[in-house]
Amino acid sequence: MPPDGPATGLSVYISCDMEGVAGIADWGQVSPGPQYQLGQELMLAEVNSAIEGAMEAGAQRFLVNDSHGRMANLDPSRLVGRASYLAGWHKPHYMMEGLDDTFDAVFFIGYHGAVDAPPAILSHTYSPRMVAGAAVDSLPVGEAGLNCLVAAHFGVPVVLVSGDQHAGAELLSLAPGAEAVEVKSSLTRFAALSLHPEEARDRIRAGAVRALGRLSELAPPRVAVDCRIRVTTRNADLAQLACRVRDVDRTGELEVEVAGGDRLEVFRNFVAVLEITRQLAAEA
């Protein structure tokens, strides 16, 4: 549901993750424990920087969808721009919940590389225990690429991504011309060279201004209406269980293909696969 009140000026949807935030390099920083508060603070600051840049470019309406972990990482009272805050882990559209065709632009903040791509800091693709790789049609993708299906369905351009070098490269393969703000460089899956947090925030803020300044030049992600998602699972039991979801077929010992009537239905079926395999994946 959109925030109450008339939408004057640009409307911006923000899906925010944590592993791609500058300064993050350890699982302990992104999950409950002694270092978790640091991760939350760094994430909040980068989201606010994106909103500040968008406000400078004329945006007046913001929806922040918390897309990391249990998806309740931010203090909503500290979001700038009177942004609405969508939190909670059980969401039909997961990292893209709340997006619809009333928005003018999508930002991906704190994104990271795919599990089966070149080494990226804390890389995974949605479910670390279930997904060993994914592709949209023939294009290998991670979370940014998968989430583009929802943006394409609603006809909203993804204009900004921040994170490591791999997150930017992945988005640009589906959304040419988007602003890719590299705030860290992944060395391995467990080491990255980050900008100083203040420098990272400055670059995100400037990237948001540039992206919205070129909004008329940018199109929704290039994803075919009849696309399919190929998922490589961690084991054969997961592939077998995934096929209980409608329009999901097994194409190999560890591979399934997720189909549907359109991009949004394909994405929903993919989320259903994650949900139905969650318990088995946790025990694997």
C-alpha atoms as a PDB file:
ATOM      1  CA  MET A   1       0.000   0.000   0.000  1.00  0.00           C
ATOM      2  CA  PRO A   2       1.470   3.410  -0.938  1.00  0.00           C
ATOM      3  CA  PRO A   3       2.100   5.944   1.837  1.00  0.00           C
ATOM      4  CA  ASP A   4      -0.880   8.165   2.699  1.00  0.00           C
ATOM      5  CA  GLY A   5      -1.253  11.530   1.002  1.00  0.00           C
ATOM      6  CA  PRO A   6      -0.727  12.796  -2.530  1.00  0.00           C
ATOM      7  CA  ALA A   7       2.519  11.943  -4.283  1.00  0.00           C
ATOM      8  CA  THR A   8       3.969  15.251  -5.436  1.00  0.00           C
ATOM      9  CA  GLY A   9       7.372  15.173  -7.083  1.00  0.00           C
ATOM     10  CA  LEU A  10       9.208  11.955  -7.810  1.00  0.00           C
ATOM     11  CA  SER A  11       8.465   8.743  -5.917  1.00  0.00           C
ATOM     12  CA  VAL A  12      11.431   6.513  -5.095  1.00  0.00           C
ATOM     13  CA  TYR A  13      11.391   2.887  -3.959  1.00  0.00           C
ATOM     14  CA  ILE A  14      14.466   1.652  -2.052  1.00  0.00           C
ATOM     15  CA  SER A  15      15.327  -2.005  -1.499  1.00  0.00           C
ATOM     16  CA  CYS A  16      18.194  -2.141   0.994  1.00  0.00           C
ATOM     17  CA  ASP A  17      20.519  -5.002   1.883  1.00  0.00           C
ATOM     18  CA  MET A  18      23.508  -5.044   4.228  1.00  0.00           C
ATOM     19  CA  GLU A  19      26.354  -7.158   2.818  1.00  0.00           C
ATOM     20  CA  GLY A  20      27.201  -4.533   0.180  1.00  0.00           C
ATOM     21  CA  VAL A  21      27.445  -1.642   2.642  1.00  0.00           C
ATOM     22  CA  ALA A  22      30.877  -0.031   3.054  1.00  0.00           C
ATOM     23  CA  GLY A  23      32.728  -1.392   6.084  1.00  0.00           C
ATOM     24  CA  ILE A  24      30.906  -4.738   6.141  1.00  0.00           C
ATOM     25  CA  ALA A  25      33.146  -7.789   5.720  1.00  0.00           C
ATOM     26  CA  ASP A  26      32.028 -10.400   8.249  1.00  0.00           C
ATOM     27  CA  TRP A  27      28.872 -12.424   8.889  1.00  0.00           C
ATOM     28  CA  GLY A  28      28.991 -11.211  12.497  1.00  0.00           C
ATOM     29  CA  GLN A  29      28.291  -7.671  11.302  1.00  0.00           C
ATOM     30  CA  VAL A  30      25.108  -8.643   9.476  1.00  0.00           C
ATOM     31  CA  SER A  31      23.393 -10.937  11.978  1.00  0.00           C
ATOM     32  CA  PRO A  32      22.415 -10.598  15.657  1.00  0.00           C
ATOM     33  CA  GLY A  33      25.445 -10.525  17.922  1.00  0.00           C
ATOM     34  CA  PRO A  34      28.078  -8.154  19.312  1.00  0.00           C
ATOM     35  CA  GLN A  35      28.908  -6.526  15.934  1.00  0.00           C
ATOM     36  CA  TYR A  36      25.358  -6.350  14.578  1.00  0.00           C
ATOM     37  CA  GLN A  37      24.597  -2.824  15.754  1.00  0.00           C
ATOM     38  CA  LEU A  38      27.527  -1.530  13.711  1.00  0.00           C
ATOM     39  CA  GLY A  39      26.090  -3.165  10.606  1.00  0.00           C
ATOM     40  CA  GLN A  40      22.685  -1.621  11.287  1.00  0.00           C
ATOM     41  CA  GLU A  41      24.177   1.850  11.735  1.00  0.00           C
ATOM     42  CA  LEU A  42      26.221   1.632   8.544  1.00  0.00           C
ATOM     43  CA  MET A  43      23.194   0.387   6.596  1.00  0.00           C
ATOM     44  CA  LEU A  44      20.921   3.154   7.899  1.00  0.00           C
ATOM     45  CA  ALA A  45      23.437   5.844   6.997  1.00  0.00           C
ATOM     46  CA  GLU A  46      23.750   4.648   3.383  1.00  0.00           C
ATOM     47  CA  VAL A  47      19.963   4.448   2.975  1.00  0.00           C
ATOM     48  CA  ASN A  48      19.629   7.980   4.322  1.00  0.00           C
ATOM     49  CA  SER A  49      22.322   9.203   1.944  1.00  0.00           C
ATOM     50  CA  ALA A  50      20.377   7.777  -0.995  1.00  0.00           C
ATOM     51  CA  ILE A  51      17.217   9.519   0.214  1.00  0.00           C
ATOM     52  CA  GLU A  52      19.059  12.816   0.700  1.00  0.00           C
ATOM     53  CA  GLY A  53      20.381  12.679  -2.852  1.00  0.00           C
ATOM     54  CA  ALA A  54      16.932  11.845  -4.171  1.00  0.00           C
ATOM     55  CA  MET A  55      15.442  14.768  -2.255  1.00  0.00           C
ATOM     56  CA  GLU A  56      18.037  17.074  -3.787  1.00  0.00           C
ATOM     57  CA  ALA A  57      16.910  15.830  -7.212  1.00  0.00           C
ATOM     58  CA  GLY A  58      13.257  16.586  -6.453  1.00  0.00           C
ATOM     59  CA  ALA A  59      11.896  13.360  -4.984  1.00  0.00           C
ATOM     60  CA  GLN A  60       9.301  13.743  -2.254  1.00  0.00           C
ATOM     61  CA  ARG A  61       7.939  10.262  -1.611  1.00  0.00           C
ATOM     62  CA  PHE A  62      10.001   7.314  -0.390  1.00  0.00           C
ATOM     63  CA  LEU A  63       9.357   3.713   0.539  1.00  0.00           C
ATOM     64  CA  VAL A  64      12.231   1.798   2.142  1.00  0.00           C
ATOM     65  CA  ASN A  65      11.844  -1.986   1.982  1.00  0.00           C
ATOM     66  CA  ASP A  66      14.202  -3.581   4.511  1.00  0.00           C
ATOM     67  CA  SER A  67      15.512  -6.578   2.572  1.00  0.00           C
ATOM     68  CA  HIS A  68      18.214  -8.045   4.791  1.00  0.00           C
ATOM     69  CA  GLY A  69      17.936 -11.096   7.008  1.00  0.00           C
ATOM     70  CA  ARG A  70      14.811 -10.911   9.150  1.00  0.00           C
ATOM     71  CA  MET A  71      14.133  -7.599   7.406  1.00  0.00           C
ATOM     72  CA  ALA A  72      13.756  -5.469  10.529  1.00  0.00           C
ATOM     73  CA  ASN A  73      17.169  -3.811  10.780  1.00  0.00           C
ATOM     74  CA  LEU A  74      16.455  -0.081  10.793  1.00  0.00           C
ATOM     75  CA  ASP A  75      15.069   2.424  13.272  1.00  0.00           C
ATOM     76  CA  PRO A  76      12.217   3.921  11.225  1.00  0.00           C
ATOM     77  CA  SER A  77      12.242   7.131  13.278  1.00  0.00           C
ATOM     78  CA  ARG A  78      15.743   7.861  11.973  1.00  0.00           C
ATOM     79  CA  LEU A  79      14.906   7.586   8.276  1.00  0.00           C
ATOM     80  CA  VAL A  80      15.117  10.984   6.586  1.00  0.00           C
ATOM     81  CA  GLY A  81      12.577  12.356   4.131  1.00  0.00           C
ATOM     82  CA  ARG A  82       9.669  11.009   6.191  1.00  0.00           C
ATOM     83  CA  ALA A  83      10.212   7.733   4.356  1.00  0.00           C
ATOM     84  CA  SER A  84       7.747   4.925   4.853  1.00  0.00           C
ATOM     85  CA  TYR A  85       9.365   1.753   6.180  1.00  0.00           C
ATOM     86  CA  LEU A  86       8.369  -1.765   5.153  1.00  0.00           C
ATOM     87  CA  ALA A  87       9.752  -4.367   7.546  1.00  0.00           C
ATOM     88  CA  GLY A  88       9.232  -8.039   8.345  1.00  0.00           C
ATOM     89  CA  TRP A  89      10.432 -11.269   6.795  1.00  0.00           C
ATOM     90  CA  HIS A  90       7.241 -12.833   5.429  1.00  0.00           C
ATOM     91  CA  LYS A  91       6.667 -10.845   2.228  1.00  0.00           C
ATOM     92  CA  PRO A  92       5.161 -12.291  -0.968  1.00  0.00           C
ATOM     93  CA  HIS A  93       7.518 -10.159  -3.072  1.00  0.00           C
ATOM     94  CA  TYR A  94      10.413 -10.464  -0.630  1.00  0.00           C
ATOM     95  CA  MET A  95      13.112  -7.886  -1.430  1.00  0.00           C
ATOM     96  CA  MET A  96      10.731  -6.074  -3.797  1.00  0.00           C
ATOM     97  CA  GLU A  97       7.610  -5.972  -1.620  1.00  0.00           C
ATOM     98  CA  GLY A  98       5.692  -2.720  -1.926  1.00  0.00           C
ATOM     99  CA  LEU A  99       6.829  -1.779  -5.409  1.00  0.00           C
ATOM    100  CA  ASP A 100       4.081  -0.865  -7.863  1.00  0.00           C
ATOM    101  CA  ASP A 101       3.629   1.329 -10.923  1.00  0.00           C
ATOM    102  CA  THR A 102       3.123   4.503  -8.861  1.00  0.00           C
ATOM    103  CA  PHE A 103       6.893   4.752  -8.332  1.00  0.00           C
ATOM    104  CA  ASP A 104       9.218   6.608 -10.701  1.00  0.00           C
ATOM    105  CA  ALA A 105      12.501   4.918  -9.800  1.00  0.00           C
ATOM    106  CA  VAL A 106      14.063   2.049  -7.862  1.00  0.00           C
ATOM    107  CA  PHE A 107      17.289   2.173  -5.826  1.00  0.00           C
ATOM    108  CA  PHE A 108      19.205  -0.943  -4.702  1.00  0.00           C
ATOM    109  CA  ILE A 109      21.343   0.006  -1.673  1.00  0.00           C
ATOM    110  CA  GLY A 110      23.916  -2.267  -0.008  1.00  0.00           C
ATOM    111  CA  TYR A 111      23.716  -5.005  -2.656  1.00  0.00           C
ATOM    112  CA  HIS A 112      26.315  -7.747  -3.192  1.00  0.00           C
ATOM    113  CA  GLY A 113      27.437 -10.301  -5.752  1.00  0.00           C
ATOM    114  CA  ALA A 114      25.868 -13.647  -6.629  1.00  0.00           C
ATOM    115  CA  VAL A 115      26.920 -16.898  -4.993  1.00  0.00           C
ATOM    116  CA  ASP A 116      28.147 -18.414  -8.278  1.00  0.00           C
ATOM    117  CA  ALA A 117      29.818 -15.269  -9.645  1.00  0.00           C
ATOM    118  CA  PRO A 118      33.422 -14.096  -9.142  1.00  0.00           C
ATOM    119  CA  PRO A 119      34.343 -13.926  -5.442  1.00  0.00           C
ATOM    120  CA  ALA A 120      32.202 -11.259  -3.775  1.00  0.00           C
ATOM    121  CA  ILE A 121      32.093 -10.307  -0.119  1.00  0.00           C
ATOM    122  CA  LEU A 122      29.599 -12.486   1.807  1.00  0.00           C
ATOM    123  CA  SER A 123      28.074 -13.535  -1.509  1.00  0.00           C
ATOM    124  CA  HIS A 124      24.873 -15.550  -1.674  1.00  0.00           C
ATOM    125  CA  THR A 125      21.709 -15.555  -3.773  1.00  0.00           C
ATOM    126  CA  TYR A 126      18.619 -15.225  -1.607  1.00  0.00           C
ATOM    127  CA  SER A 127      18.916 -18.489   0.353  1.00  0.00           C
ATOM    128  CA  PRO A 128      22.518 -19.503   1.120  1.00  0.00           C
ATOM    129  CA  ARG A 129      21.480 -23.032   2.123  1.00  0.00           C
ATOM    130  CA  MET A 130      19.242 -23.638  -0.882  1.00  0.00           C
ATOM    131  CA  VAL A 131      20.544 -21.714  -3.907  1.00  0.00           C
ATOM    132  CA  ALA A 132      23.915 -22.583  -5.445  1.00  0.00           C
ATOM    133  CA  GLY A 133      23.282 -20.476  -8.542  1.00  0.00           C
ATOM    134  CA  ALA A 134      20.580 -18.767 -10.569  1.00  0.00           C
ATOM    135  CA  ALA A 135      19.997 -17.422 -14.066  1.00  0.00           C
ATOM    136  CA  VAL A 136      17.264 -15.467 -15.779  1.00  0.00           C
ATOM    137  CA  ASP A 137      16.949 -17.198 -19.128  1.00  0.00           C
ATOM    138  CA  SER A 138      20.637 -17.620 -20.037  1.00  0.00           C
ATOM    139  CA  LEU A 139      22.006 -14.749 -17.936  1.00  0.00           C
ATOM    140  CA  PRO A 140      23.594 -15.669 -14.578  1.00  0.00           C
ATOM    141  CA  VAL A 141      22.173 -13.415 -11.858  1.00  0.00           C
ATOM    142  CA  GLY A 142      22.145 -12.771  -8.142  1.00  0.00           C
ATOM    143  CA  GLU A 143      19.652 -10.839  -6.082  1.00  0.00           C
ATOM    144  CA  ALA A 144      19.865  -7.640  -8.138  1.00  0.00           C
ATOM    145  CA  GLY A 145      19.096  -9.486 -11.363  1.00  0.00           C
ATOM    146  CA  LEU A 146      16.258 -11.516  -9.877  1.00  0.00           C
ATOM    147  CA  ASN A 147      14.696  -8.412  -8.360  1.00  0.00           C
ATOM    148  CA  CYS A 148      14.730  -6.750 -11.766  1.00  0.00           C
ATOM    149  CA  LEU A 149      11.839  -9.030 -12.759  1.00  0.00           C
ATOM    150  CA  VAL A 150       9.518  -7.156 -10.417  1.00  0.00           C
ATOM    151  CA  ALA A 151      10.706  -3.727 -11.541  1.00  0.00           C
ATOM    152  CA  ALA A 152      10.291  -4.764 -15.182  1.00  0.00           C
ATOM    153  CA  HIS A 153       6.769  -6.033 -14.511  1.00  0.00           C
ATOM    154  CA  PHE A 154       5.695  -2.688 -13.066  1.00  0.00           C
ATOM    155  CA  GLY A 155       7.599  -0.692 -15.686  1.00  0.00           C
ATOM    156  CA  VAL A 156       9.814   1.117 -13.176  1.00  0.00           C
ATOM    157  CA  PRO A 157      13.517   1.707 -13.996  1.00  0.00           C
ATOM    158  CA  VAL A 158      16.191   0.596 -11.548  1.00  0.00           C
ATOM    159  CA  VAL A 159      18.407   3.668 -11.658  1.00  0.00           C
ATOM    160  CA  LEU A 160      20.899   3.228  -8.806  1.00  0.00           C
ATOM    161  CA  VAL A 161      22.783   0.393  -7.147  1.00  0.00           C
ATOM    162  CA  SER A 162      25.399   0.648  -4.423  1.00  0.00           C
ATOM    163  CA  GLY A 163      27.642  -2.142  -3.211  1.00  0.00           C
ATOM    164  CA  ASP A 164      30.732  -3.945  -4.412  1.00  0.00           C
ATOM    165  CA  GLN A 165      31.984  -4.095  -8.000  1.00  0.00           C
ATOM    166  CA  HIS A 166      30.031  -7.254  -8.783  1.00  0.00           C
ATOM    167  CA  ALA A 167      26.648  -5.873  -7.732  1.00  0.00           C
ATOM    168  CA  GLY A 168      27.083  -2.962 -10.123  1.00  0.00           C
ATOM    169  CA  ALA A 169      28.162  -5.139 -13.039  1.00  0.00           C
ATOM    170  CA  GLU A 170      25.204  -7.455 -12.564  1.00  0.00           C
ATOM    171  CA  LEU A 171      22.633  -4.675 -12.546  1.00  0.00           C
ATOM    172  CA  LEU A 172      24.115  -2.967 -15.593  1.00  0.00           C
ATOM    173  CA  SER A 173      23.663  -6.158 -17.610  1.00  0.00           C
ATOM    174  CA  LEU A 174      19.886  -5.722 -17.232  1.00  0.00           C
ATOM    175  CA  ALA A 175      19.592  -1.982 -16.643  1.00  0.00           C
ATOM    176  CA  PRO A 176      22.111  -0.226 -18.909  1.00  0.00           C
ATOM    177  CA  GLY A 177      22.758   3.361 -17.905  1.00  0.00           C
ATOM    178  CA  ALA A 178      21.952   2.913 -14.226  1.00  0.00           C
ATOM    179  CA  GLU A 179      24.282   4.545 -11.720  1.00  0.00           C
ATOM    180  CA  ALA A 180      26.545   1.936 -10.124  1.00  0.00           C
ATOM    181  CA  VAL A 181      28.190   3.320  -6.979  1.00  0.00           C
ATOM    182  CA  GLU A 182      31.078   1.113  -5.885  1.00  0.00           C
ATOM    183  CA  VAL A 183      31.624   1.601  -2.152  1.00  0.00           C
ATOM    184  CA  LYS A 184      33.832  -1.455  -1.673  1.00  0.00           C
ATOM    185  CA  SER A 185      35.979  -3.808  -3.699  1.00  0.00           C
ATOM    186  CA  SER A 186      35.655  -7.500  -2.943  1.00  0.00           C
ATOM    187  CA  LEU A 187      38.952  -9.362  -2.757  1.00  0.00           C
ATOM    188  CA  THR A 188      37.528 -12.728  -1.726  1.00  0.00           C
ATOM    189  CA  ARG A 189      34.268 -13.882  -0.197  1.00  0.00           C
ATOM    190  CA  PHE A 190      35.578 -12.890   3.210  1.00  0.00           C
ATOM    191  CA  ALA A 191      37.670  -9.786   2.530  1.00  0.00           C
ATOM    192  CA  ALA A 192      36.931  -6.419   0.946  1.00  0.00           C
ATOM    193  CA  LEU A 193      38.511  -2.999   0.686  1.00  0.00           C
ATOM    194  CA  SER A 194      35.913  -0.380   1.644  1.00  0.00           C
ATOM    195  CA  LEU A 195      35.792   3.346   1.227  1.00  0.00           C
ATOM    196  CA  HIS A 196      35.577   5.351   4.420  1.00  0.00           C
ATOM    197  CA  PRO A 197      31.867   5.316   5.360  1.00  0.00           C
ATOM    198  CA  GLU A 198      31.553   9.081   4.910  1.00  0.00           C
ATOM    199  CA  GLU A 199      33.105   8.889   1.434  1.00  0.00           C
ATOM    200  CA  ALA A 200      30.768   6.033   0.539  1.00  0.00           C
ATOM    201  CA  ARG A 201      27.755   8.057   1.666  1.00  0.00           C
ATOM    202  CA  ASP A 202      28.875  11.082  -0.314  1.00  0.00           C
ATOM    203  CA  ARG A 203      29.161   8.957  -3.449  1.00  0.00           C
ATOM    204  CA  ILE A 204      25.749   7.374  -2.913  1.00  0.00           C
ATOM    205  CA  ARG A 205      24.189  10.792  -2.389  1.00  0.00           C
ATOM    206  CA  ALA A 206      25.794  12.114  -5.571  1.00  0.00           C
ATOM    207  CA  GLY A 207      24.833   8.965  -7.475  1.00  0.00           C
ATOM    208  CA  ALA A 208      21.185   9.424  -6.513  1.00  0.00           C
ATOM    209  CA  VAL A 209      21.251  13.000  -7.794  1.00  0.00           C
ATOM    210  CA  ARG A 210      22.794  11.920 -11.100  1.00  0.00           C
ATOM    211  CA  ALA A 211      20.448   8.966 -11.539  1.00  0.00           C
ATOM    212  CA  LEU A 212      17.269  10.956 -11.053  1.00  0.00           C
ATOM    213  CA  GLY A 213      18.655  13.761 -13.172  1.00  0.00           C
ATOM    214  CA  ARG A 214      18.825  11.282 -16.083  1.00  0.00           C
ATOM    215  CA  LEU A 215      15.561   9.525 -15.291  1.00  0.00           C
ATOM    216  CA  SER A 216      14.003  10.385 -18.649  1.00  0.00           C
ATOM    217  CA  GLU A 217      16.838   8.497 -20.371  1.00  0.00           C
ATOM    218  CA  LEU A 218      16.465   5.292 -18.369  1.00  0.00           C
ATOM    219  CA  ALA A 219      14.104   2.398 -19.111  1.00  0.00           C
ATOM    220  CA  PRO A 220      12.809  -0.492 -16.989  1.00  0.00           C
ATOM    221  CA  PRO A 221      15.100  -3.535 -16.808  1.00  0.00           C
ATOM    222  CA  ARG A 222      15.418  -5.586 -19.965  1.00  0.00           C
ATOM    223  CA  VAL A 223      13.699  -8.818 -18.965  1.00  0.00           C
ATOM    224  CA  ALA A 224      11.428 -10.755 -21.333  1.00  0.00           C
ATOM    225  CA  VAL A 225       7.784 -11.111 -20.282  1.00  0.00           C
ATOM    226  CA  ASP A 226       8.003 -14.892 -20.711  1.00  0.00           C
ATOM    227  CA  CYS A 227      11.311 -15.230 -18.854  1.00  0.00           C
ATOM    228  CA  ARG A 228      12.266 -18.239 -16.776  1.00  0.00           C
ATOM    229  CA  ILE A 229      14.516 -18.598 -13.740  1.00  0.00           C
ATOM    230  CA  ARG A 230      16.947 -21.500 -13.610  1.00  0.00           C
ATOM    231  CA  VAL A 231      17.958 -22.426 -10.067  1.00  0.00           C
ATOM    232  CA  THR A 232      20.828 -24.713  -9.156  1.00  0.00           C
ATOM    233  CA  THR A 233      20.098 -26.185  -5.741  1.00  0.00           C
ATOM    234  CA  ARG A 234      22.517 -27.270  -3.039  1.00  0.00           C
ATOM    235  CA  ASN A 235      21.393 -30.895  -3.183  1.00  0.00           C
ATOM    236  CA  ALA A 236      19.043 -33.229  -5.045  1.00  0.00           C
ATOM    237  CA  ASP A 237      16.457 -33.348  -2.245  1.00  0.00           C
ATOM    238  CA  LEU A 238      15.927 -29.603  -2.549  1.00  0.00           C
ATOM    239  CA  ALA A 239      15.449 -29.865  -6.317  1.00  0.00           C
ATOM    240  CA  GLN A 240      12.869 -32.606  -5.818  1.00  0.00           C
ATOM    241  CA  LEU A 241      10.934 -30.604  -3.205  1.00  0.00           C
ATOM    242  CA  ALA A 242      11.016 -27.403  -5.280  1.00  0.00           C
ATOM    243  CA  CYS A 243       8.997 -29.124  -8.002  1.00  0.00           C
ATOM    244  CA  ARG A 244       5.932 -29.178  -5.747  1.00  0.00           C
ATOM    245  CA  VAL A 245       5.484 -25.518  -6.682  1.00  0.00           C
ATOM    246  CA  ARG A 246       3.308 -24.898  -9.729  1.00  0.00           C
ATOM    247  CA  ASP A 247       5.210 -24.235 -12.967  1.00  0.00           C
ATOM    248  CA  VAL A 248       8.486 -25.522 -11.545  1.00  0.00           C
ATOM    249  CA  ASP A 249      10.125 -28.402 -13.409  1.00  0.00           C
ATOM    250  CA  ARG A 250      13.255 -30.384 -12.765  1.00  0.00           C
ATOM    251  CA  THR A 251      15.821 -30.000 -15.527  1.00  0.00           C
ATOM    252  CA  GLY A 252      18.739 -31.801 -13.895  1.00  0.00           C
ATOM    253  CA  GLU A 253      19.820 -33.598 -10.752  1.00  0.00           C
ATOM    254  CA  LEU A 254      20.359 -30.270  -9.009  1.00  0.00           C
ATOM    255  CA  GLU A 255      18.547 -27.873 -11.360  1.00  0.00           C
ATOM    256  CA  VAL A 256      14.984 -26.652 -11.593  1.00  0.00           C
ATOM    257  CA  GLU A 257      13.355 -24.199 -13.969  1.00  0.00           C
ATOM    258  CA  VAL A 258      10.819 -21.714 -12.622  1.00  0.00           C
ATOM    259  CA  ALA A 259       8.200 -20.488 -15.107  1.00  0.00           C
ATOM    260  CA  GLY A 260       4.919 -18.571 -15.002  1.00  0.00           C
ATOM    261  CA  GLY A 261       2.536 -16.432 -17.013  1.00  0.00           C
ATOM    262  CA  ASP A 262       4.572 -13.244 -16.710  1.00  0.00           C
ATOM    263  CA  ARG A 263       7.608 -11.771 -14.938  1.00  0.00           C
ATOM    264  CA  LEU A 264       5.794 -11.194 -11.650  1.00  0.00           C
ATOM    265  CA  GLU A 265       4.352 -14.697 -11.557  1.00  0.00           C
ATOM    266  CA  VAL A 266       7.770 -16.176 -12.305  1.00  0.00           C
ATOM    267  CA  PHE A 267       9.231 -14.170  -9.419  1.00  0.00           C
ATOM    268  CA  ARG A 268       6.403 -15.222  -7.086  1.00  0.00           C
ATOM    269  CA  ASN A 269       6.981 -18.864  -7.978  1.00  0.00           C
ATOM    270  CA  PHE A 270      10.677 -18.423  -7.236  1.00  0.00           C
ATOM    271  CA  VAL A 271       9.813 -17.022  -3.796  1.00  0.00           C
ATOM    272  CA  ALA A 272       7.451 -19.966  -3.267  1.00  0.00           C
ATOM    273  CA  VAL A 273      10.338 -22.328  -4.022  1.00  0.00           C
ATOM    274  CA  LEU A 274      12.401 -20.586  -1.342  1.00  0.00           C
ATOM    275  CA  GLU A 275       9.558 -20.859   1.165  1.00  0.00           C
ATOM    276  CA  ILE A 276       8.747 -24.509   0.518  1.00  0.00           C
ATOM    277  CA  THR A 277      12.393 -25.569   0.745  1.00  0.00           C
ATOM    278  CA  ARG A 278      13.260 -23.392   3.768  1.00  0.00           C
ATOM    279  CA  GLN A 279      12.945 -26.101   6.427  1.00  0.00           C
ATOM    280  CA  LEU A 280      14.704 -28.799   4.441  1.00  0.00           C
ATOM    281  CA  ALA A 281      17.494 -26.377   3.501  1.00  0.00           C
ATOM    282  CA  ALA A 282      17.989 -25.498   7.167  1.00  0.00           C
ATOM    283  CA  GLU A 283      18.468 -29.163   8.007  1.00  0.00           C
ATOM    284  CA  ALA A 284      20.734 -29.943   5.066  1.00  0.00           C
END
